[in-house]
Amino acid sequence: MPHNSEANIATADALTLLLHNQHAISAAIEEVTKWLSENGVGNVAANAVSALETLDTNAQRISDAIMQLRQL
């Protein structure tokens, strides 16, 4: 079955945009986490750090998928 390279490129481009959004969300959560930590809300900050870890894990997987699509 032949690969549809145009579809792969479009999918990779869309995933790239989603990944950029994910990085922006991560940066915002980092800023909020810093503020929470500095203002004595450590337990909430710890929850935010967990969310950041999930974003990082998923960002790596999205990056891997983008690379695979671009190589097809």
PDB file of N, CA and C in Angstrom:
ATOM      1  N   MET A   1       0.848  -1.179   0.000  1.00  0.00           N
ATOM      2  CA  MET A   1       0.000   0.000   0.000  1.00  0.00           C
ATOM      3  C   MET A   1       0.891   1.240   0.000  1.00  0.00           C
ATOM      4  N   PRO A   2       0.760   2.109  -0.981  1.00  0.00           N
ATOM      5  CA  PRO A   2       1.612   3.290  -1.050  1.00  0.00           C
ATOM      6  C   PRO A   2       1.277   4.287   0.054  1.00  0.00           C
ATOM      7  N   HIS A   3       2.292   5.015   0.485  1.00  0.00           N
ATOM      8  CA  HIS A   3       2.089   6.035   1.509  1.00  0.00           C
ATOM      9  C   HIS A   3       1.578   7.305   0.856  1.00  0.00           C
ATOM     10  N   ASN A   4       0.677   7.973   1.513  1.00  0.00           N
ATOM     11  CA  ASN A   4       0.176   9.242   1.025  1.00  0.00           C
ATOM     12  C   ASN A   4       1.031  10.341   1.655  1.00  0.00           C
ATOM     13  N   SER A   5       2.082  10.761   0.946  1.00  0.00           N
ATOM     14  CA  SER A   5       3.033  11.700   1.529  1.00  0.00           C
ATOM     15  C   SER A   5       2.397  13.057   1.822  1.00  0.00           C
ATOM     16  N   GLU A   6       1.446  13.492   1.010  1.00  0.00           N
ATOM     17  CA  GLU A   6       0.777  14.770   1.295  1.00  0.00           C
ATOM     18  C   GLU A   6       0.000  14.700   2.605  1.00  0.00           C
ATOM     19  N   ALA A   7      -0.662  13.586   2.836  1.00  0.00           N
ATOM     20  CA  ALA A   7      -1.398  13.405   4.092  1.00  0.00           C
ATOM     21  C   ALA A   7      -0.432  13.337   5.271  1.00  0.00           C
ATOM     22  N   ASN A   8       0.705  12.660   5.078  1.00  0.00           N
ATOM     23  CA  ASN A   8       1.703  12.578   6.145  1.00  0.00           C
ATOM     24  C   ASN A   8       2.253  13.961   6.483  1.00  0.00           C
ATOM     25  N   ILE A   9       2.524  14.753   5.467  1.00  0.00           N
ATOM     26  CA  ILE A   9       3.043  16.102   5.693  1.00  0.00           C
ATOM     27  C   ILE A   9       2.017  16.959   6.421  1.00  0.00           C
ATOM     28  N   ALA A  10       0.763  16.888   5.981  1.00  0.00           N
ATOM     29  CA  ALA A  10      -0.298  17.669   6.627  1.00  0.00           C
ATOM     30  C   ALA A  10      -0.475  17.248   8.081  1.00  0.00           C
ATOM     31  N   THR A  11      -0.412  15.947   8.329  1.00  0.00           N
ATOM     32  CA  THR A  11      -0.541  15.449   9.694  1.00  0.00           C
ATOM     33  C   THR A  11       0.640  15.900  10.548  1.00  0.00           C
ATOM     34  N   ALA A  12       1.837  15.790  10.010  1.00  0.00           N
ATOM     35  CA  ALA A  12       3.031  16.230  10.734  1.00  0.00           C
ATOM     36  C   ALA A  12       2.972  17.723  11.020  1.00  0.00           C
ATOM     37  N   ASP A  13       2.504  18.510  10.048  1.00  0.00           N
ATOM     38  CA  ASP A  13       2.379  19.954  10.262  1.00  0.00           C
ATOM     39  C   ASP A  13       1.374  20.265  11.370  1.00  0.00           C
ATOM     40  N   ALA A  14       0.245  19.555  11.363  1.00  0.00           N
ATOM     41  CA  ALA A  14      -0.764  19.774  12.408  1.00  0.00           C
ATOM     42  C   ALA A  14      -0.224  19.373  13.777  1.00  0.00           C
ATOM     43  N   LEU A  15       0.469  18.241  13.832  1.00  0.00           N
ATOM     44  CA  LEU A  15       1.063  17.816  15.102  1.00  0.00           C
ATOM     45  C   LEU A  15       2.117  18.807  15.582  1.00  0.00           C
ATOM     46  N   THR A  16       2.849  19.391  14.658  1.00  0.00           N
ATOM     47  CA  THR A  16       3.861  20.385  15.022  1.00  0.00           C
ATOM     48  C   THR A  16       3.204  21.598  15.675  1.00  0.00           C
ATOM     49  N   LEU A  17       2.098  22.044  15.107  1.00  0.00           N
ATOM     50  CA  LEU A  17       1.374  23.171  15.703  1.00  0.00           C
ATOM     51  C   LEU A  17       0.843  22.819  17.090  1.00  0.00           C
ATOM     52  N   LEU A  18       0.315  21.610  17.240  1.00  0.00           N
ATOM     53  CA  LEU A  18      -0.153  21.173  18.553  1.00  0.00           C
ATOM     54  C   LEU A  18       1.000  21.095  19.545  1.00  0.00           C
ATOM     55  N   LEU A  19       2.144  20.659  19.084  1.00  0.00           N
ATOM     56  CA  LEU A  19       3.317  20.586  19.952  1.00  0.00           C
ATOM     57  C   LEU A  19       3.745  21.981  20.397  1.00  0.00           C
ATOM     58  N   HIS A  20       3.693  22.953  19.480  1.00  0.00           N
ATOM     59  CA  HIS A  20       4.010  24.340  19.857  1.00  0.00           C
ATOM     60  C   HIS A  20       3.028  24.839  20.921  1.00  0.00           C
ATOM     61  N   ASN A  21       1.755  24.509  20.754  1.00  0.00           N
ATOM     62  CA  ASN A  21       0.759  24.892  21.760  1.00  0.00           C
ATOM     63  C   ASN A  21       1.071  24.235  23.094  1.00  0.00           C
ATOM     64  N   GLN A  22       1.478  22.980  23.042  1.00  0.00           N
ATOM     65  CA  GLN A  22       1.794  22.261  24.266  1.00  0.00           C
ATOM     66  C   GLN A  22       2.979  22.909  24.983  1.00  0.00           C
ATOM     67  N   HIS A  23       3.978  23.346  24.218  1.00  0.00           N
ATOM     68  CA  HIS A  23       5.122  24.029  24.830  1.00  0.00           C
ATOM     69  C   HIS A  23       4.691  25.350  25.472  1.00  0.00           C
ATOM     70  N   ALA A  24       3.784  26.062  24.828  1.00  0.00           N
ATOM     71  CA  ALA A  24       3.293  27.324  25.389  1.00  0.00           C
ATOM     72  C   ALA A  24       2.515  27.084  26.683  1.00  0.00           C
ATOM     73  N   ILE A  25       1.687  26.055  26.693  1.00  0.00           N
ATOM     74  CA  ILE A  25       0.941  25.713  27.906  1.00  0.00           C
ATOM     75  C   ILE A  25       1.904  25.327  29.018  1.00  0.00           C
ATOM     76  N   SER A  26       2.918  24.574  28.672  1.00  0.00           N
ATOM     77  CA  SER A  26       3.921  24.164  29.653  1.00  0.00           C
ATOM     78  C   SER A  26       4.622  25.375  30.264  1.00  0.00           C
ATOM     79  N   ALA A  27       4.987  26.330  29.423  1.00  0.00           N
ATOM     80  CA  ALA A  27       5.653  27.538  29.926  1.00  0.00           C
ATOM     81  C   ALA A  27       4.738  28.311  30.872  1.00  0.00           C
ATOM     82  N   ALA A  28       3.457  28.382  30.529  1.00  0.00           N
ATOM     83  CA  ALA A  28       2.510  29.084  31.395  1.00  0.00           C
ATOM     84  C   ALA A  28       2.361  28.367  32.739  1.00  0.00           C
ATOM     85  N   ILE A  29       2.278  27.039  32.698  1.00  0.00           N
ATOM     86  CA  ILE A  29       2.164  26.277  33.943  1.00  0.00           C
ATOM     87  C   ILE A  29       3.421  26.453  34.787  1.00  0.00           C
ATOM     88  N   GLU A  30       4.576  26.500  34.149  1.00  0.00           N
ATOM     89  CA  GLU A  30       5.816  26.729  34.895  1.00  0.00           C
ATOM     90  C   GLU A  30       5.785  28.062  35.629  1.00  0.00           C
ATOM     91  N   GLU A  31       5.304  29.100  34.968  1.00  0.00           N
ATOM     92  CA  GLU A  31       5.212  30.422  35.607  1.00  0.00           C
ATOM     93  C   GLU A  31       4.252  30.390  36.793  1.00  0.00           C
ATOM     94  N   VAL A  32       3.109  29.759  36.622  1.00  0.00           N
ATOM     95  CA  VAL A  32       2.130  29.660  37.708  1.00  0.00           C
ATOM     96  C   VAL A  32       2.700  28.823  38.850  1.00  0.00           C
ATOM     97  N   THR A  33       3.388  27.738  38.509  1.00  0.00           N
ATOM     98  CA  THR A  33       3.996  26.887  39.532  1.00  0.00           C
ATOM     99  C   THR A  33       5.014  27.664  40.356  1.00  0.00           C
ATOM    100  N   LYS A  34       5.828  28.458  39.685  1.00  0.00           N
ATOM    101  CA  LYS A  34       6.816  29.278  40.392  1.00  0.00           C
ATOM    102  C   LYS A  34       6.119  30.238  41.347  1.00  0.00           C
ATOM    103  N   TRP A  35       5.065  30.889  40.868  1.00  0.00           N
ATOM    104  CA  TRP A  35       4.337  31.840  41.712  1.00  0.00           C
ATOM    105  C   TRP A  35       3.713  31.130  42.902  1.00  0.00           C
ATOM    106  N   LEU A  36       3.119  29.954  42.659  1.00  0.00           N
ATOM    107  CA  LEU A  36       2.500  29.191  43.743  1.00  0.00           C
ATOM    108  C   LEU A  36       3.535  28.815  44.799  1.00  0.00           C
ATOM    109  N   SER A  37       4.681  28.354  44.354  1.00  0.00           N
ATOM    110  CA  SER A  37       5.743  27.965  45.288  1.00  0.00           C
ATOM    111  C   SER A  37       6.214  29.148  46.122  1.00  0.00           C
ATOM    112  N   GLU A  38       6.360  30.295  45.468  1.00  0.00           N
ATOM    113  CA  GLU A  38       6.833  31.493  46.161  1.00  0.00           C
ATOM    114  C   GLU A  38       5.796  32.065  47.118  1.00  0.00           C
ATOM    115  N   ASN A  39       4.540  31.689  46.943  1.00  0.00           N
ATOM    116  CA  ASN A  39       3.472  32.240  47.775  1.00  0.00           C
ATOM    117  C   ASN A  39       2.856  31.204  48.703  1.00  0.00           C
ATOM    118  N   GLY A  40       3.618  30.184  49.017  1.00  0.00           N
ATOM    119  CA  GLY A  40       3.234  29.234  50.052  1.00  0.00           C
ATOM    120  C   GLY A  40       2.141  28.252  49.702  1.00  0.00           C
ATOM    121  N   VAL A  41       1.943  27.984  48.444  1.00  0.00           N
ATOM    122  CA  VAL A  41       0.926  27.011  48.042  1.00  0.00           C
ATOM    123  C   VAL A  41       1.643  25.818  47.404  1.00  0.00           C
ATOM    124  N   GLY A  42       2.508  25.218  48.185  1.00  0.00           N
ATOM    125  CA  GLY A  42       3.366  24.153  47.694  1.00  0.00           C
ATOM    126  C   GLY A  42       2.637  22.928  47.202  1.00  0.00           C
ATOM    127  N   ASN A  43       1.516  22.573  47.871  1.00  0.00           N
ATOM    128  CA  ASN A  43       0.798  21.363  47.440  1.00  0.00           C
ATOM    129  C   ASN A  43       0.182  21.551  46.055  1.00  0.00           C
ATOM    130  N   VAL A  44      -0.296  22.746  45.763  1.00  0.00           N
ATOM    131  CA  VAL A  44      -0.844  23.020  44.431  1.00  0.00           C
ATOM    132  C   VAL A  44       0.296  23.054  43.417  1.00  0.00           C
ATOM    133  N   ALA A  45       1.416  23.616  43.808  1.00  0.00           N
ATOM    134  CA  ALA A  45       2.583  23.656  42.932  1.00  0.00           C
ATOM    135  C   ALA A  45       3.033  22.241  42.592  1.00  0.00           C
ATOM    136  N   ALA A  46       2.986  21.340  43.548  1.00  0.00           N
ATOM    137  CA  ALA A  46       3.375  19.949  43.302  1.00  0.00           C
ATOM    138  C   ALA A  46       2.453  19.309  42.262  1.00  0.00           C
ATOM    139  N   ASN A  47       1.169  19.618  42.331  1.00  0.00           N
ATOM    140  CA  ASN A  47       0.238  19.099  41.318  1.00  0.00           C
ATOM    141  C   ASN A  47       0.568  19.658  39.941  1.00  0.00           C
ATOM    142  N   ALA A  48       0.947  20.917  39.897  1.00  0.00           N
ATOM    143  CA  ALA A  48       1.316  21.540  38.621  1.00  0.00           C
ATOM    144  C   ALA A  48       2.570  20.887  38.050  1.00  0.00           C
ATOM    145  N   VAL A  49       3.506  20.538  38.900  1.00  0.00           N
ATOM    146  CA  VAL A  49       4.720  19.860  38.447  1.00  0.00           C
ATOM    147  C   VAL A  49       4.365  18.504  37.834  1.00  0.00           C
ATOM    148  N   SER A  50       3.405  17.809  38.423  1.00  0.00           N
ATOM    149  CA  SER A  50       2.961  16.530  37.849  1.00  0.00           C
ATOM    150  C   SER A  50       2.383  16.743  36.454  1.00  0.00           C
ATOM    151  N   ALA A  51       1.620  17.813  36.290  1.00  0.00           N
ATOM    152  CA  ALA A  51       1.062  18.124  34.974  1.00  0.00           C
ATOM    153  C   ALA A  51       2.179  18.420  33.979  1.00  0.00           C
ATOM    154  N   LEU A  52       3.203  19.120  34.425  1.00  0.00           N
ATOM    155  CA  LEU A  52       4.343  19.419  33.551  1.00  0.00           C
ATOM    156  C   LEU A  52       5.058  18.149  33.112  1.00  0.00           C
ATOM    157  N   GLU A  53       5.192  17.217  34.027  1.00  0.00           N
ATOM    158  CA  GLU A  53       5.847  15.949  33.687  1.00  0.00           C
ATOM    159  C   GLU A  53       5.059  15.207  32.603  1.00  0.00           C
ATOM    160  N   THR A  54       3.739  15.232  32.718  1.00  0.00           N
ATOM    161  CA  THR A  54       2.897  14.593  31.696  1.00  0.00           C
ATOM    162  C   THR A  54       3.059  15.306  30.359  1.00  0.00           C
ATOM    163  N   LEU A  55       3.060  16.638  30.378  1.00  0.00           N
ATOM    164  CA  LEU A  55       3.253  17.397  29.143  1.00  0.00           C
ATOM    165  C   LEU A  55       4.592  17.063  28.499  1.00  0.00           C
ATOM    166  N   ASP A  56       5.637  16.961  29.311  1.00  0.00           N
ATOM    167  CA  ASP A  56       6.963  16.633  28.773  1.00  0.00           C
ATOM    168  C   ASP A  56       6.990  15.252  28.144  1.00  0.00           C
ATOM    169  N   THR A  57       6.405  14.278  28.817  1.00  0.00           N
ATOM    170  CA  THR A  57       6.367  12.915  28.287  1.00  0.00           C
ATOM    171  C   THR A  57       5.618  12.881  26.960  1.00  0.00           C
ATOM    172  N   ASN A  58       4.456  13.516  26.943  1.00  0.00           N
ATOM    173  CA  ASN A  58       3.659  13.516  25.725  1.00  0.00           C
ATOM    174  C   ASN A  58       4.319  14.319  24.613  1.00  0.00           C
ATOM    175  N   ALA A  59       5.009  15.383  24.955  1.00  0.00           N
ATOM    176  CA  ALA A  59       5.706  16.181  23.938  1.00  0.00           C
ATOM    177  C   ALA A  59       6.760  15.336  23.238  1.00  0.00           C
ATOM    178  N   GLN A  60       7.450  14.513  23.983  1.00  0.00           N
ATOM    179  CA  GLN A  60       8.466  13.654  23.375  1.00  0.00           C
ATOM    180  C   GLN A  60       7.824  12.653  22.420  1.00  0.00           C
ATOM    181  N   ARG A  61       6.713  12.098  22.827  1.00  0.00           N
ATOM    182  CA  ARG A  61       6.029  11.128  21.958  1.00  0.00           C
ATOM    183  C   ARG A  61       5.483  11.797  20.702  1.00  0.00           C
ATOM    184  N   ILE A  62       4.970  13.001  20.843  1.00  0.00           N
ATOM    185  CA  ILE A  62       4.485  13.740  19.678  1.00  0.00           C
ATOM    186  C   ILE A  62       5.650  14.039  18.744  1.00  0.00           C
ATOM    187  N   SER A  63       6.774  14.453  19.303  1.00  0.00           N
ATOM    188  CA  SER A  63       7.967  14.726  18.491  1.00  0.00           C
ATOM    189  C   SER A  63       8.402  13.482  17.727  1.00  0.00           C
ATOM    190  N   ASP A  64       8.380  12.345  18.387  1.00  0.00           N
ATOM    191  CA  ASP A  64       8.746  11.089  17.726  1.00  0.00           C
ATOM    192  C   ASP A  64       7.795  10.775  16.575  1.00  0.00           C
ATOM    193  N   ALA A  65       6.498  10.988  16.798  1.00  0.00           N
ATOM    194  CA  ALA A  65       5.507  10.727  15.755  1.00  0.00           C
ATOM    195  C   ALA A  65       5.706  11.662  14.564  1.00  0.00           C
ATOM    196  N   ILE A  66       6.007  12.913  14.846  1.00  0.00           N
ATOM    197  CA  ILE A  66       6.263  13.885  13.773  1.00  0.00           C
ATOM    198  C   ILE A  66       7.446  13.433  12.932  1.00  0.00           C
ATOM    199  N   MET A  67       8.510  13.005  13.583  1.00  0.00           N
ATOM    200  CA  MET A  67       9.694  12.555  12.851  1.00  0.00           C
ATOM    201  C   MET A  67       9.377  11.333  11.991  1.00  0.00           C
ATOM    202  N   GLN A  68       8.605  10.410  12.528  1.00  0.00           N
ATOM    203  CA  GLN A  68       8.232   9.223  11.753  1.00  0.00           C
ATOM    204  C   GLN A  68       7.427   9.608  10.525  1.00  0.00           C
ATOM    205  N   LEU A  69       6.471  10.508  10.685  1.00  0.00           N
ATOM    206  CA  LEU A  69       5.651  10.945   9.555  1.00  0.00           C
ATOM    207  C   LEU A  69       6.490  11.634   8.497  1.00  0.00           C
ATOM    208  N   ARG A  70       7.426  12.446   8.921  1.00  0.00           N
ATOM    209  CA  ARG A  70       8.246  13.193   7.973  1.00  0.00           C
ATOM    210  C   ARG A  70       9.230  12.280   7.228  1.00  0.00           C
ATOM    211  N   GLN A  71       9.522  11.108   7.773  1.00  0.00           N
ATOM    212  CA  GLN A  71      10.440  10.182   7.123  1.00  0.00           C
ATOM    213  C   GLN A  71       9.739   9.265   6.119  1.00  0.00           C
ATOM    214  N   LEU A  72       8.415   9.221   6.170  1.00  0.00           N
ATOM    215  CA  LEU A  72       7.682   8.337   5.244  1.00  0.00           C
ATOM    216  C   LEU A  72       7.626   8.919   3.852  1.00  0.00           C
TER     217      LEU A  72
END
